[in-house]
Amino acid sequence: MPSQENIQTQKHPYGEIYLNERQAAQKLGLTTSCLQAWRLRGVGPRFVKISARCVRYKESEIDNWAAARERTSTSDPGPDVSNPPSNSKARRVK
């Protein structure tokens, strides 16, 4: 009978779980088109481009990306407030 330690270290034979676009979107509660738009703008979770039409997301990357965006309130700016995305457009308020 295998020990508890061996069972924990053998969770997945490849060490990392890769999700396709649909699975990643489902895990985040988003649409696939949202993930596609984020990839285009470079603002979503990191991804692996296997080929021209094959994109995968490491499950750990999705978890880390989501954890970095956790906030305690709507006024909590988070750690990245001093470094806004370079492709963001200023909005004029009327």
C-alpha atoms as a PDB file:
ATOM      1  CA  MET A   1       0.000   0.000   0.000  1.00  0.00           C
ATOM      2  CA  PRO A   2       1.481   3.406  -1.015  1.00  0.00           C
ATOM      3  CA  SER A   3       2.266   5.891   1.723  1.00  0.00           C
ATOM      4  CA  GLN A   4       0.352   9.170   2.046  1.00  0.00           C
ATOM      5  CA  GLU A   5       3.467  11.089   0.937  1.00  0.00           C
ATOM      6  CA  ASN A   6       3.654   9.173  -2.372  1.00  0.00           C
ATOM      7  CA  ILE A   7      -0.021   9.792  -3.092  1.00  0.00           C
ATOM      8  CA  GLN A   8       0.387  13.557  -2.590  1.00  0.00           C
ATOM      9  CA  THR A   9       3.431  13.828  -4.847  1.00  0.00           C
ATOM     10  CA  GLN A  10       1.749  11.868  -7.664  1.00  0.00           C
ATOM     11  CA  LYS A  11      -1.309  14.106  -8.142  1.00  0.00           C
ATOM     12  CA  HIS A  12      -0.766  14.533 -11.866  1.00  0.00           C
ATOM     13  CA  PRO A  13       1.707  12.571 -13.990  1.00  0.00           C
ATOM     14  CA  TYR A  14       2.888  15.668 -15.904  1.00  0.00           C
ATOM     15  CA  GLY A  15       3.203  17.956 -12.894  1.00  0.00           C
ATOM     16  CA  GLU A  16       1.043  20.713 -14.368  1.00  0.00           C
ATOM     17  CA  ILE A  17      -2.503  20.735 -15.655  1.00  0.00           C
ATOM     18  CA  TYR A  18      -3.058  22.618 -18.910  1.00  0.00           C
ATOM     19  CA  LEU A  19      -6.550  23.890 -19.670  1.00  0.00           C
ATOM     20  CA  ASN A  20      -7.886  24.682 -23.108  1.00  0.00           C
ATOM     21  CA  GLU A  21      -9.562  28.022 -23.728  1.00  0.00           C
ATOM     22  CA  ARG A  22     -13.052  26.777 -22.911  1.00  0.00           C
ATOM     23  CA  GLN A  23     -11.948  25.161 -19.661  1.00  0.00           C
ATOM     24  CA  ALA A  24      -9.990  28.256 -18.592  1.00  0.00           C
ATOM     25  CA  ALA A  25     -12.939  30.522 -19.342  1.00  0.00           C
ATOM     26  CA  GLN A  26     -15.255  28.238 -17.408  1.00  0.00           C
ATOM     27  CA  LYS A  27     -12.899  28.169 -14.413  1.00  0.00           C
ATOM     28  CA  LEU A  28     -12.883  31.984 -14.330  1.00  0.00           C
ATOM     29  CA  GLY A  29     -16.578  32.322 -15.095  1.00  0.00           C
ATOM     30  CA  LEU A  30     -15.897  34.160 -18.357  1.00  0.00           C
ATOM     31  CA  THR A  31     -16.563  33.674 -22.042  1.00  0.00           C
ATOM     32  CA  THR A  32     -13.930  32.425 -24.445  1.00  0.00           C
ATOM     33  CA  SER A  33     -14.222  35.674 -26.406  1.00  0.00           C
ATOM     34  CA  CYS A  34     -13.287  37.584 -23.242  1.00  0.00           C
ATOM     35  CA  LEU A  35     -10.101  35.512 -22.905  1.00  0.00           C
ATOM     36  CA  GLN A  36      -9.363  36.072 -26.602  1.00  0.00           C
ATOM     37  CA  ALA A  37      -9.715  39.836 -26.186  1.00  0.00           C
ATOM     38  CA  TRP A  38      -7.499  39.801 -23.112  1.00  0.00           C
ATOM     39  CA  ARG A  39      -4.819  37.817 -24.973  1.00  0.00           C
ATOM     40  CA  LEU A  40      -4.925  40.365 -27.772  1.00  0.00           C
ATOM     41  CA  ARG A  41      -4.483  43.234 -25.308  1.00  0.00           C
ATOM     42  CA  GLY A  42      -2.030  41.346 -23.095  1.00  0.00           C
ATOM     43  CA  VAL A  43      -4.016  41.831 -19.885  1.00  0.00           C
ATOM     44  CA  GLY A  44      -5.301  38.372 -18.991  1.00  0.00           C
ATOM     45  CA  PRO A  45      -3.624  35.367 -17.420  1.00  0.00           C
ATOM     46  CA  ARG A  46      -0.415  34.121 -18.999  1.00  0.00           C
ATOM     47  CA  PHE A  47      -0.902  31.427 -21.626  1.00  0.00           C
ATOM     48  CA  VAL A  48       1.083  28.912 -23.639  1.00  0.00           C
ATOM     49  CA  LYS A  49       0.872  29.136 -27.405  1.00  0.00           C
ATOM     50  CA  ILE A  50       1.305  25.570 -28.626  1.00  0.00           C
ATOM     51  CA  SER A  51       0.713  26.452 -32.285  1.00  0.00           C
ATOM     52  CA  ALA A  52      -1.036  29.140 -34.321  1.00  0.00           C
ATOM     53  CA  ARG A  53      -4.479  27.824 -33.334  1.00  0.00           C
ATOM     54  CA  CYS A  54      -3.742  26.026 -30.069  1.00  0.00           C
ATOM     55  CA  VAL A  55      -3.606  27.959 -26.793  1.00  0.00           C
ATOM     56  CA  ARG A  56      -3.413  26.452 -23.323  1.00  0.00           C
ATOM     57  CA  TYR A  57      -3.481  27.931 -19.838  1.00  0.00           C
ATOM     58  CA  LYS A  58      -1.587  26.458 -16.893  1.00  0.00           C
ATOM     59  CA  GLU A  59      -4.085  25.957 -14.100  1.00  0.00           C
ATOM     60  CA  SER A  60      -1.564  27.362 -11.613  1.00  0.00           C
ATOM     61  CA  GLU A  61      -1.186  30.538 -13.732  1.00  0.00           C
ATOM     62  CA  ILE A  62      -4.946  31.091 -13.703  1.00  0.00           C
ATOM     63  CA  ASP A  63      -5.038  30.599  -9.929  1.00  0.00           C
ATOM     64  CA  ASN A  64      -2.098  32.991  -9.386  1.00  0.00           C
ATOM     65  CA  TRP A  65      -3.557  35.605 -11.749  1.00  0.00           C
ATOM     66  CA  ALA A  66      -6.916  35.516  -9.968  1.00  0.00           C
ATOM     67  CA  ALA A  67      -5.300  35.616  -6.506  1.00  0.00           C
ATOM     68  CA  ALA A  68      -3.315  38.724  -7.482  1.00  0.00           C
ATOM     69  CA  ARG A  69      -6.608  40.487  -8.218  1.00  0.00           C
ATOM     70  CA  GLU A  70      -8.274  39.763  -4.891  1.00  0.00           C
ATOM     71  CA  ARG A  71      -9.438  42.881  -3.083  1.00  0.00           C
ATOM     72  CA  THR A  72     -10.960  43.549   0.326  1.00  0.00           C
ATOM     73  CA  SER A  73     -13.283  46.327  -0.870  1.00  0.00           C
ATOM     74  CA  THR A  74     -14.262  48.230  -4.010  1.00  0.00           C
ATOM     75  CA  SER A  75     -11.994  51.111  -2.960  1.00  0.00           C
ATOM     76  CA  ASP A  76      -8.966  48.816  -2.519  1.00  0.00           C
ATOM     77  CA  PRO A  77      -6.657  49.712  -5.435  1.00  0.00           C
ATOM     78  CA  GLY A  78      -4.521  46.617  -5.053  1.00  0.00           C
ATOM     79  CA  PRO A  79      -0.755  46.426  -5.464  1.00  0.00           C
ATOM     80  CA  ASP A  80      -0.642  47.466  -9.142  1.00  0.00           C
ATOM     81  CA  VAL A  81      -2.217  50.960  -8.903  1.00  0.00           C
ATOM     82  CA  SER A  82       1.072  52.781  -9.606  1.00  0.00           C
ATOM     83  CA  ASN A  83       1.698  50.773 -12.769  1.00  0.00           C
ATOM     84  CA  PRO A  84      -1.409  50.998 -15.017  1.00  0.00           C
ATOM     85  CA  PRO A  85      -1.477  49.008 -18.270  1.00  0.00           C
ATOM     86  CA  SER A  86       0.242  50.869 -21.089  1.00  0.00           C
ATOM     87  CA  ASN A  87      -2.612  50.233 -23.516  1.00  0.00           C
ATOM     88  CA  SER A  88      -5.306  51.740 -21.287  1.00  0.00           C
ATOM     89  CA  LYS A  89      -7.140  54.727 -22.721  1.00  0.00           C
ATOM     90  CA  ALA A  90      -7.967  57.753 -20.631  1.00  0.00           C
ATOM     91  CA  ARG A  91     -11.679  58.401 -20.362  1.00  0.00           C
ATOM     92  CA  ARG A  92     -13.147  61.829 -20.271  1.00  0.00           C
ATOM     93  CA  VAL A  93     -15.866  62.258 -17.697  1.00  0.00           C
ATOM     94  CA  LYS A  94     -18.667  64.661 -18.599  1.00  0.00           C
END
